[in-house]
Amino acid sequence: MKSTYGSTGGELNLRRMGIVPSGLLDSLKSRLLLQMLLTAEASRHARERAFAMFDQPRGTGNRRGFLAGHAEAKDSRLAR
């Protein structure tokens, strides 16, 4: 979905409501990724970044771990 139409129920309307597009992922892979992110208690921002990686054509760019910051935060909570 790339800003195609803005009528009720359209992509622009859904984005304003907070939808996170899954890009190139099919429904099964999207659900699996979401389940893993929720299990890891990833923040909304981390979930959005994870799905954004699949919202673009594949390239050779840097795909730094989207849960890296979350893992550090979780480790610091366990150390307390």
PDB file of N, CA and C in Angstrom:
ATOM      1  N   MET A   1       0.847  -1.178   0.000  1.00  0.00           N
ATOM      2  CA  MET A   1       0.000   0.000   0.000  1.00  0.00           C
ATOM      3  C   MET A   1       0.888   1.236   0.000  1.00  0.00           C
ATOM      4  N   LYS A   2       0.681   2.072  -0.931  1.00  0.00           N
ATOM      5  CA  LYS A   2       1.502   3.266  -1.082  1.00  0.00           C
ATOM      6  C   LYS A   2       0.630   4.482  -1.387  1.00  0.00           C
ATOM      7  N   SER A   3      -0.133   4.965  -0.408  1.00  0.00           N
ATOM      8  CA  SER A   3      -0.941   6.176  -0.574  1.00  0.00           C
ATOM      9  C   SER A   3      -1.830   6.115  -1.812  1.00  0.00           C
ATOM     10  N   THR A   4      -2.597   5.057  -1.931  1.00  0.00           N
ATOM     11  CA  THR A   4      -3.393   4.862  -3.138  1.00  0.00           C
ATOM     12  C   THR A   4      -4.738   5.577  -3.111  1.00  0.00           C
ATOM     13  N   TYR A   5      -5.467   5.519  -2.027  1.00  0.00           N
ATOM     14  CA  TYR A   5      -6.745   6.221  -1.963  1.00  0.00           C
ATOM     15  C   TYR A   5      -7.110   6.504  -0.513  1.00  0.00           C
ATOM     16  N   GLY A   6      -7.934   7.558  -0.310  1.00  0.00           N
ATOM     17  CA  GLY A   6      -8.209   8.011   1.039  1.00  0.00           C
ATOM     18  C   GLY A   6      -9.655   7.929   1.478  1.00  0.00           C
ATOM     19  N   SER A   7     -10.487   7.182   0.748  1.00  0.00           N
ATOM     20  CA  SER A   7     -11.889   7.073   1.150  1.00  0.00           C
ATOM     21  C   SER A   7     -12.020   6.227   2.413  1.00  0.00           C
ATOM     22  N   THR A   8     -13.211   6.200   3.001  1.00  0.00           N
ATOM     23  CA  THR A   8     -13.446   5.413   4.205  1.00  0.00           C
ATOM     24  C   THR A   8     -13.077   3.957   3.950  1.00  0.00           C
ATOM     25  N   GLY A   9     -12.224   3.419   4.797  1.00  0.00           N
ATOM     26  CA  GLY A   9     -11.761   2.060   4.624  1.00  0.00           C
ATOM     27  C   GLY A   9     -10.585   1.939   3.672  1.00  0.00           C
ATOM     28  N   GLY A  10     -10.199   3.061   3.060  1.00  0.00           N
ATOM     29  CA  GLY A  10      -9.069   3.066   2.139  1.00  0.00           C
ATOM     30  C   GLY A  10      -7.741   3.078   2.883  1.00  0.00           C
ATOM     31  N   GLU A  11      -6.688   2.910   2.138  1.00  0.00           N
ATOM     32  CA  GLU A  11      -5.359   2.785   2.733  1.00  0.00           C
ATOM     33  C   GLU A  11      -4.954   4.009   3.551  1.00  0.00           C
ATOM     34  N   LEU A  12      -5.185   5.209   3.053  1.00  0.00           N
ATOM     35  CA  LEU A  12      -4.793   6.404   3.799  1.00  0.00           C
ATOM     36  C   LEU A  12      -5.574   6.509   5.103  1.00  0.00           C
ATOM     37  N   ASN A  13      -6.855   6.185   5.052  1.00  0.00           N
ATOM     38  CA  ASN A  13      -7.679   6.206   6.253  1.00  0.00           C
ATOM     39  C   ASN A  13      -7.177   5.181   7.273  1.00  0.00           C
ATOM     40  N   LEU A  14      -6.835   3.983   6.801  1.00  0.00           N
ATOM     41  CA  LEU A  14      -6.331   2.945   7.697  1.00  0.00           C
ATOM     42  C   LEU A  14      -4.993   3.352   8.314  1.00  0.00           C
ATOM     43  N   ARG A  15      -4.129   3.998   7.545  1.00  0.00           N
ATOM     44  CA  ARG A  15      -2.835   4.463   8.091  1.00  0.00           C
ATOM     45  C   ARG A  15      -3.056   5.502   9.180  1.00  0.00           C
ATOM     46  N   ARG A  16      -4.025   6.409   8.970  1.00  0.00           N
ATOM     47  CA  ARG A  16      -4.334   7.412  10.004  1.00  0.00           C
ATOM     48  C   ARG A  16      -4.836   6.743  11.283  1.00  0.00           C
ATOM     49  N   MET A  17      -5.480   5.592  11.134  1.00  0.00           N
ATOM     50  CA  MET A  17      -6.014   4.868  12.295  1.00  0.00           C
ATOM     51  C   MET A  17      -4.931   4.032  12.991  1.00  0.00           C
ATOM     52  N   GLY A  18      -3.738   3.951  12.390  1.00  0.00           N
ATOM     53  CA  GLY A  18      -2.640   3.269  13.048  1.00  0.00           C
ATOM     54  C   GLY A  18      -2.255   1.920  12.490  1.00  0.00           C
ATOM     55  N   ILE A  19      -2.779   1.560  11.314  1.00  0.00           N
ATOM     56  CA  ILE A  19      -2.413   0.272  10.729  1.00  0.00           C
ATOM     57  C   ILE A  19      -0.906   0.238  10.439  1.00  0.00           C
ATOM     58  N   VAL A  20      -0.318  -0.916  10.606  1.00  0.00           N
ATOM     59  CA  VAL A  20       1.093  -1.112  10.263  1.00  0.00           C
ATOM     60  C   VAL A  20       1.118  -2.064   9.069  1.00  0.00           C
ATOM     61  N   PRO A  21       1.444  -1.569   7.876  1.00  0.00           N
ATOM     62  CA  PRO A  21       1.427  -2.434   6.695  1.00  0.00           C
ATOM     63  C   PRO A  21       2.509  -3.502   6.763  1.00  0.00           C
ATOM     64  N   SER A  22       2.210  -4.665   6.214  1.00  0.00           N
ATOM     65  CA  SER A  22       3.165  -5.769   6.262  1.00  0.00           C
ATOM     66  C   SER A  22       4.017  -5.848   5.002  1.00  0.00           C
ATOM     67  N   GLY A  23       3.811  -4.944   4.067  1.00  0.00           N
ATOM     68  CA  GLY A  23       4.667  -4.870   2.892  1.00  0.00           C
ATOM     69  C   GLY A  23       4.669  -6.142   2.067  1.00  0.00           C
ATOM     70  N   LEU A  24       5.851  -6.700   1.887  1.00  0.00           N
ATOM     71  CA  LEU A  24       6.023  -7.871   1.022  1.00  0.00           C
ATOM     72  C   LEU A  24       5.668  -9.192   1.704  1.00  0.00           C
ATOM     73  N   LEU A  25       5.359  -9.159   2.995  1.00  0.00           N
ATOM     74  CA  LEU A  25       5.050 -10.399   3.715  1.00  0.00           C
ATOM     75  C   LEU A  25       3.628 -10.858   3.424  1.00  0.00           C
ATOM     76  N   ASP A  26       3.448 -12.156   3.250  1.00  0.00           N
ATOM     77  CA  ASP A  26       2.088 -12.677   3.111  1.00  0.00           C
ATOM     78  C   ASP A  26       1.457 -12.757   4.504  1.00  0.00           C
ATOM     79  N   SER A  27       0.191 -13.130   4.571  1.00  0.00           N
ATOM     80  CA  SER A  27      -0.533 -13.097   5.844  1.00  0.00           C
ATOM     81  C   SER A  27       0.070 -14.037   6.886  1.00  0.00           C
ATOM     82  N   LEU A  28       0.494 -15.207   6.494  1.00  0.00           N
ATOM     83  CA  LEU A  28       1.077 -16.154   7.448  1.00  0.00           C
ATOM     84  C   LEU A  28       2.378 -15.620   8.040  1.00  0.00           C
ATOM     85  N   LYS A  29       3.257 -15.096   7.197  1.00  0.00           N
ATOM     86  CA  LYS A  29       4.526 -14.556   7.676  1.00  0.00           C
ATOM     87  C   LYS A  29       4.298 -13.311   8.534  1.00  0.00           C
ATOM     88  N   SER A  30       3.314 -12.502   8.178  1.00  0.00           N
ATOM     89  CA  SER A  30       2.990 -11.316   8.974  1.00  0.00           C
ATOM     90  C   SER A  30       2.533 -11.714  10.374  1.00  0.00           C
ATOM     91  N   ARG A  31       1.669 -12.709  10.440  1.00  0.00           N
ATOM     92  CA  ARG A  31       1.184 -13.179  11.749  1.00  0.00           C
ATOM     93  C   ARG A  31       2.311 -13.772  12.581  1.00  0.00           C
ATOM     94  N   LEU A  32       3.192 -14.524  11.934  1.00  0.00           N
ATOM     95  CA  LEU A  32       4.321 -15.121  12.644  1.00  0.00           C
ATOM     96  C   LEU A  32       5.255 -14.038  13.196  1.00  0.00           C
ATOM     97  N   LEU A  33       5.575 -13.042  12.376  1.00  0.00           N
ATOM     98  CA  LEU A  33       6.425 -11.947  12.838  1.00  0.00           C
ATOM     99  C   LEU A  33       5.766 -11.199  13.986  1.00  0.00           C
ATOM    100  N   LEU A  34       4.479 -10.896  13.855  1.00  0.00           N
ATOM    101  CA  LEU A  34       3.770 -10.195  14.919  1.00  0.00           C
ATOM    102  C   LEU A  34       3.767 -11.007  16.207  1.00  0.00           C
ATOM    103  N   GLN A  35       3.528 -12.301  16.105  1.00  0.00           N
ATOM    104  CA  GLN A  35       3.522 -13.152  17.297  1.00  0.00           C
ATOM    105  C   GLN A  35       4.885 -13.155  17.978  1.00  0.00           C
ATOM    106  N   MET A  36       5.949 -13.231  17.188  1.00  0.00           N
ATOM    107  CA  MET A  36       7.298 -13.205  17.769  1.00  0.00           C
ATOM    108  C   MET A  36       7.568 -11.865  18.458  1.00  0.00           C
ATOM    109  N   LEU A  37       7.138 -10.776  17.832  1.00  0.00           N
ATOM    110  CA  LEU A  37       7.348  -9.449  18.420  1.00  0.00           C
ATOM    111  C   LEU A  37       6.555  -9.282  19.709  1.00  0.00           C
ATOM    112  N   LEU A  38       5.317  -9.766  19.727  1.00  0.00           N
ATOM    113  CA  LEU A  38       4.494  -9.660  20.929  1.00  0.00           C
ATOM    114  C   LEU A  38       5.048 -10.539  22.044  1.00  0.00           C
ATOM    115  N   THR A  39       5.521 -11.723  21.699  1.00  0.00           N
ATOM    116  CA  THR A  39       6.117 -12.623  22.688  1.00  0.00           C
ATOM    117  C   THR A  39       7.364 -11.992  23.299  1.00  0.00           C
ATOM    118  N   ALA A  40       8.123 -11.276  22.466  1.00  0.00           N
ATOM    119  CA  ALA A  40       9.337 -10.610  22.943  1.00  0.00           C
ATOM    120  C   ALA A  40       9.028  -9.297  23.651  1.00  0.00           C
ATOM    121  N   GLU A  41       7.742  -8.941  23.737  1.00  0.00           N
ATOM    122  CA  GLU A  41       7.298  -7.700  24.369  1.00  0.00           C
ATOM    123  C   GLU A  41       7.953  -6.485  23.724  1.00  0.00           C
ATOM    124  N   ALA A  42       8.082  -6.528  22.389  1.00  0.00           N
ATOM    125  CA  ALA A  42       8.672  -5.419  21.645  1.00  0.00           C
ATOM    126  C   ALA A  42       7.754  -4.203  21.709  1.00  0.00           C
ATOM    127  N   SER A  43       8.352  -3.035  21.749  1.00  0.00           N
ATOM    128  CA  SER A  43       7.572  -1.798  21.779  1.00  0.00           C
ATOM    129  C   SER A  43       6.868  -1.587  20.445  1.00  0.00           C
ATOM    130  N   ARG A  44       5.915  -0.683  20.423  1.00  0.00           N
ATOM    131  CA  ARG A  44       5.211  -0.376  19.171  1.00  0.00           C
ATOM    132  C   ARG A  44       6.207   0.101  18.117  1.00  0.00           C
ATOM    133  N   HIS A  45       7.153   0.930  18.545  1.00  0.00           N
ATOM    134  CA  HIS A  45       8.150   1.443  17.607  1.00  0.00           C
ATOM    135  C   HIS A  45       8.973   0.292  17.010  1.00  0.00           C
ATOM    136  N   ALA A  46       9.384  -0.662  17.833  1.00  0.00           N
ATOM    137  CA  ALA A  46      10.155  -1.811  17.350  1.00  0.00           C
ATOM    138  C   ALA A  46       9.324  -2.646  16.382  1.00  0.00           C
ATOM    139  N   ARG A  47       8.022  -2.810  16.681  1.00  0.00           N
ATOM    140  CA  ARG A  47       7.151  -3.572  15.782  1.00  0.00           C
ATOM    141  C   ARG A  47       7.013  -2.871  14.446  1.00  0.00           C
ATOM    142  N   GLU A  48       6.853  -1.551  14.463  1.00  0.00           N
ATOM    143  CA  GLU A  48       6.729  -0.794  13.223  1.00  0.00           C
ATOM    144  C   GLU A  48       8.007  -0.890  12.392  1.00  0.00           C
ATOM    145  N   ARG A  49       9.168  -0.805  13.053  1.00  0.00           N
ATOM    146  CA  ARG A  49      10.445  -0.921  12.333  1.00  0.00           C
ATOM    147  C   ARG A  49      10.614  -2.313  11.730  1.00  0.00           C
ATOM    148  N   ALA A  50      10.177  -3.332  12.462  1.00  0.00           N
ATOM    149  CA  ALA A  50      10.304  -4.700  11.962  1.00  0.00           C
ATOM    150  C   ALA A  50       9.502  -4.872  10.681  1.00  0.00           C
ATOM    151  N   PHE A  51       8.271  -4.392  10.675  1.00  0.00           N
ATOM    152  CA  PHE A  51       7.444  -4.520   9.475  1.00  0.00           C
ATOM    153  C   PHE A  51       7.921  -3.597   8.364  1.00  0.00           C
ATOM    154  N   ALA A  52       8.486  -2.447   8.720  1.00  0.00           N
ATOM    155  CA  ALA A  52       8.984  -1.512   7.704  1.00  0.00           C
ATOM    156  C   ALA A  52      10.116  -2.115   6.893  1.00  0.00           C
ATOM    157  N   MET A  53      10.856  -3.059   7.485  1.00  0.00           N
ATOM    158  CA  MET A  53      11.938  -3.716   6.742  1.00  0.00           C
ATOM    159  C   MET A  53      11.398  -4.463   5.531  1.00  0.00           C
ATOM    160  N   PHE A  54      10.140  -4.875   5.580  1.00  0.00           N
ATOM    161  CA  PHE A  54       9.542  -5.643   4.486  1.00  0.00           C
ATOM    162  C   PHE A  54       8.636  -4.789   3.607  1.00  0.00           C
ATOM    163  N   ASP A  55       8.609  -3.481   3.862  1.00  0.00           N
ATOM    164  CA  ASP A  55       7.750  -2.572   3.115  1.00  0.00           C
ATOM    165  C   ASP A  55       8.474  -1.993   1.906  1.00  0.00           C
ATOM    166  N   GLN A  56       9.689  -2.461   1.659  1.00  0.00           N
ATOM    167  CA  GLN A  56      10.493  -1.950   0.554  1.00  0.00           C
ATOM    168  C   GLN A  56      11.070  -3.125  -0.215  1.00  0.00           C
ATOM    169  N   PRO A  57      11.401  -2.904  -1.482  1.00  0.00           N
ATOM    170  CA  PRO A  57      12.066  -3.974  -2.238  1.00  0.00           C
ATOM    171  C   PRO A  57      13.363  -4.379  -1.547  1.00  0.00           C
ATOM    172  N   ARG A  58      13.729  -5.628  -1.687  1.00  0.00           N
ATOM    173  CA  ARG A  58      14.947  -6.119  -1.043  1.00  0.00           C
ATOM    174  C   ARG A  58      16.172  -5.422  -1.626  1.00  0.00           C
ATOM    175  N   GLY A  59      17.095  -5.151  -0.739  1.00  0.00           N
ATOM    176  CA  GLY A  59      18.351  -4.528  -1.146  1.00  0.00           C
ATOM    177  C   GLY A  59      19.478  -5.102  -0.311  1.00  0.00           C
ATOM    178  N   THR A  60      20.607  -4.499  -0.431  1.00  0.00           N
ATOM    179  CA  THR A  60      21.754  -4.978   0.331  1.00  0.00           C
ATOM    180  C   THR A  60      22.064  -4.045   1.491  1.00  0.00           C
ATOM    181  N   GLY A  61      21.116  -3.201   1.853  1.00  0.00           N
ATOM    182  CA  GLY A  61      21.326  -2.224   2.915  1.00  0.00           C
ATOM    183  C   GLY A  61      21.507  -2.852   4.288  1.00  0.00           C
ATOM    184  N   ASN A  62      21.756  -2.018   5.245  1.00  0.00           N
ATOM    185  CA  ASN A  62      21.980  -2.447   6.620  1.00  0.00           C
ATOM    186  C   ASN A  62      20.649  -2.811   7.278  1.00  0.00           C
ATOM    187  N   ARG A  63      20.511  -4.026   7.743  1.00  0.00           N
ATOM    188  CA  ARG A  63      19.296  -4.469   8.421  1.00  0.00           C
ATOM    189  C   ARG A  63      19.629  -4.796   9.868  1.00  0.00           C
ATOM    190  N   ARG A  64      20.048  -3.766  10.601  1.00  0.00           N
ATOM    191  CA  ARG A  64      20.408  -3.930  11.997  1.00  0.00           C
ATOM    192  C   ARG A  64      19.244  -4.541  12.751  1.00  0.00           C
ATOM    193  N   GLY A  65      19.526  -5.369  13.701  1.00  0.00           N
ATOM    194  CA  GLY A  65      18.476  -6.051  14.455  1.00  0.00           C
ATOM    195  C   GLY A  65      17.465  -5.094  15.058  1.00  0.00           C
ATOM    196  N   PHE A  66      16.217  -5.271  14.727  1.00  0.00           N
ATOM    197  CA  PHE A  66      15.173  -4.375  15.198  1.00  0.00           C
ATOM    198  C   PHE A  66      14.818  -4.611  16.649  1.00  0.00           C
ATOM    199  N   LEU A  67      15.262  -5.718  17.239  1.00  0.00           N
ATOM    200  CA  LEU A  67      15.003  -5.975  18.649  1.00  0.00           C
ATOM    201  C   LEU A  67      16.231  -5.707  19.516  1.00  0.00           C
ATOM    202  N   ALA A  68      17.293  -5.162  18.929  1.00  0.00           N
ATOM    203  CA  ALA A  68      18.532  -4.950  19.679  1.00  0.00           C
ATOM    204  C   ALA A  68      18.283  -4.058  20.895  1.00  0.00           C
ATOM    205  N   GLY A  69      17.617  -2.944  20.711  1.00  0.00           N
ATOM    206  CA  GLY A  69      17.331  -2.038  21.826  1.00  0.00           C
ATOM    207  C   GLY A  69      16.427  -2.675  22.854  1.00  0.00           C
ATOM    208  N   HIS A  70      15.474  -3.483  22.402  1.00  0.00           N
ATOM    209  CA  HIS A  70      14.551  -4.147  23.315  1.00  0.00           C
ATOM    210  C   HIS A  70      15.292  -5.158  24.185  1.00  0.00           C
ATOM    211  N   ALA A  71      16.209  -5.903  23.590  1.00  0.00           N
ATOM    212  CA  ALA A  71      16.954  -6.915  24.340  1.00  0.00           C
ATOM    213  C   ALA A  71      17.794  -6.258  25.423  1.00  0.00           C
ATOM    214  N   GLU A  72      18.405  -5.126  25.116  1.00  0.00           N
ATOM    215  CA  GLU A  72      19.203  -4.417  26.111  1.00  0.00           C
ATOM    216  C   GLU A  72      18.320  -3.948  27.265  1.00  0.00           C
ATOM    217  N   ALA A  73      17.138  -3.409  26.942  1.00  0.00           N
ATOM    218  CA  ALA A  73      16.235  -2.937  27.984  1.00  0.00           C
ATOM    219  C   ALA A  73      15.750  -4.086  28.848  1.00  0.00           C
ATOM    220  N   LYS A  74      15.455  -5.215  28.235  1.00  0.00           N
ATOM    221  CA  LYS A  74      14.975  -6.373  28.983  1.00  0.00           C
ATOM    222  C   LYS A  74      16.082  -6.904  29.906  1.00  0.00           C
ATOM    223  N   ASP A  75      17.339  -6.947  29.414  1.00  0.00           N
ATOM    224  CA  ASP A  75      18.453  -7.382  30.233  1.00  0.00           C
ATOM    225  C   ASP A  75      18.645  -6.483  31.449  1.00  0.00           C
ATOM    226  N   SER A  76      18.475  -5.181  31.255  1.00  0.00           N
ATOM    227  CA  SER A  76      18.661  -4.250  32.378  1.00  0.00           C
ATOM    228  C   SER A  76      17.552  -4.438  33.418  1.00  0.00           C
ATOM    229  N   ARG A  77      16.350  -4.800  32.980  1.00  0.00           N
ATOM    230  CA  ARG A  77      15.267  -5.059  33.944  1.00  0.00           C
ATOM    231  C   ARG A  77      15.553  -6.308  34.743  1.00  0.00           C
ATOM    232  N   LEU A  78      16.121  -7.321  34.096  1.00  0.00           N
ATOM    233  CA  LEU A  78      16.427  -8.577  34.794  1.00  0.00           C
ATOM    234  C   LEU A  78      17.561  -8.407  35.794  1.00  0.00           C
ATOM    235  N   ALA A  79      18.452  -7.458  35.525  1.00  0.00           N
ATOM    236  CA  ALA A  79      19.616  -7.251  36.407  1.00  0.00           C
ATOM    237  C   ALA A  79      19.216  -6.574  37.712  1.00  0.00           C
ATOM    238  N   ARG A  80      18.067  -5.975  37.746  1.00  0.00           N
ATOM    239  CA  ARG A  80      17.643  -5.246  38.961  1.00  0.00           C
ATOM    240  C   ARG A  80      17.323  -6.147  40.097  1.00  0.00           C
TER     241      ARG A  80
END
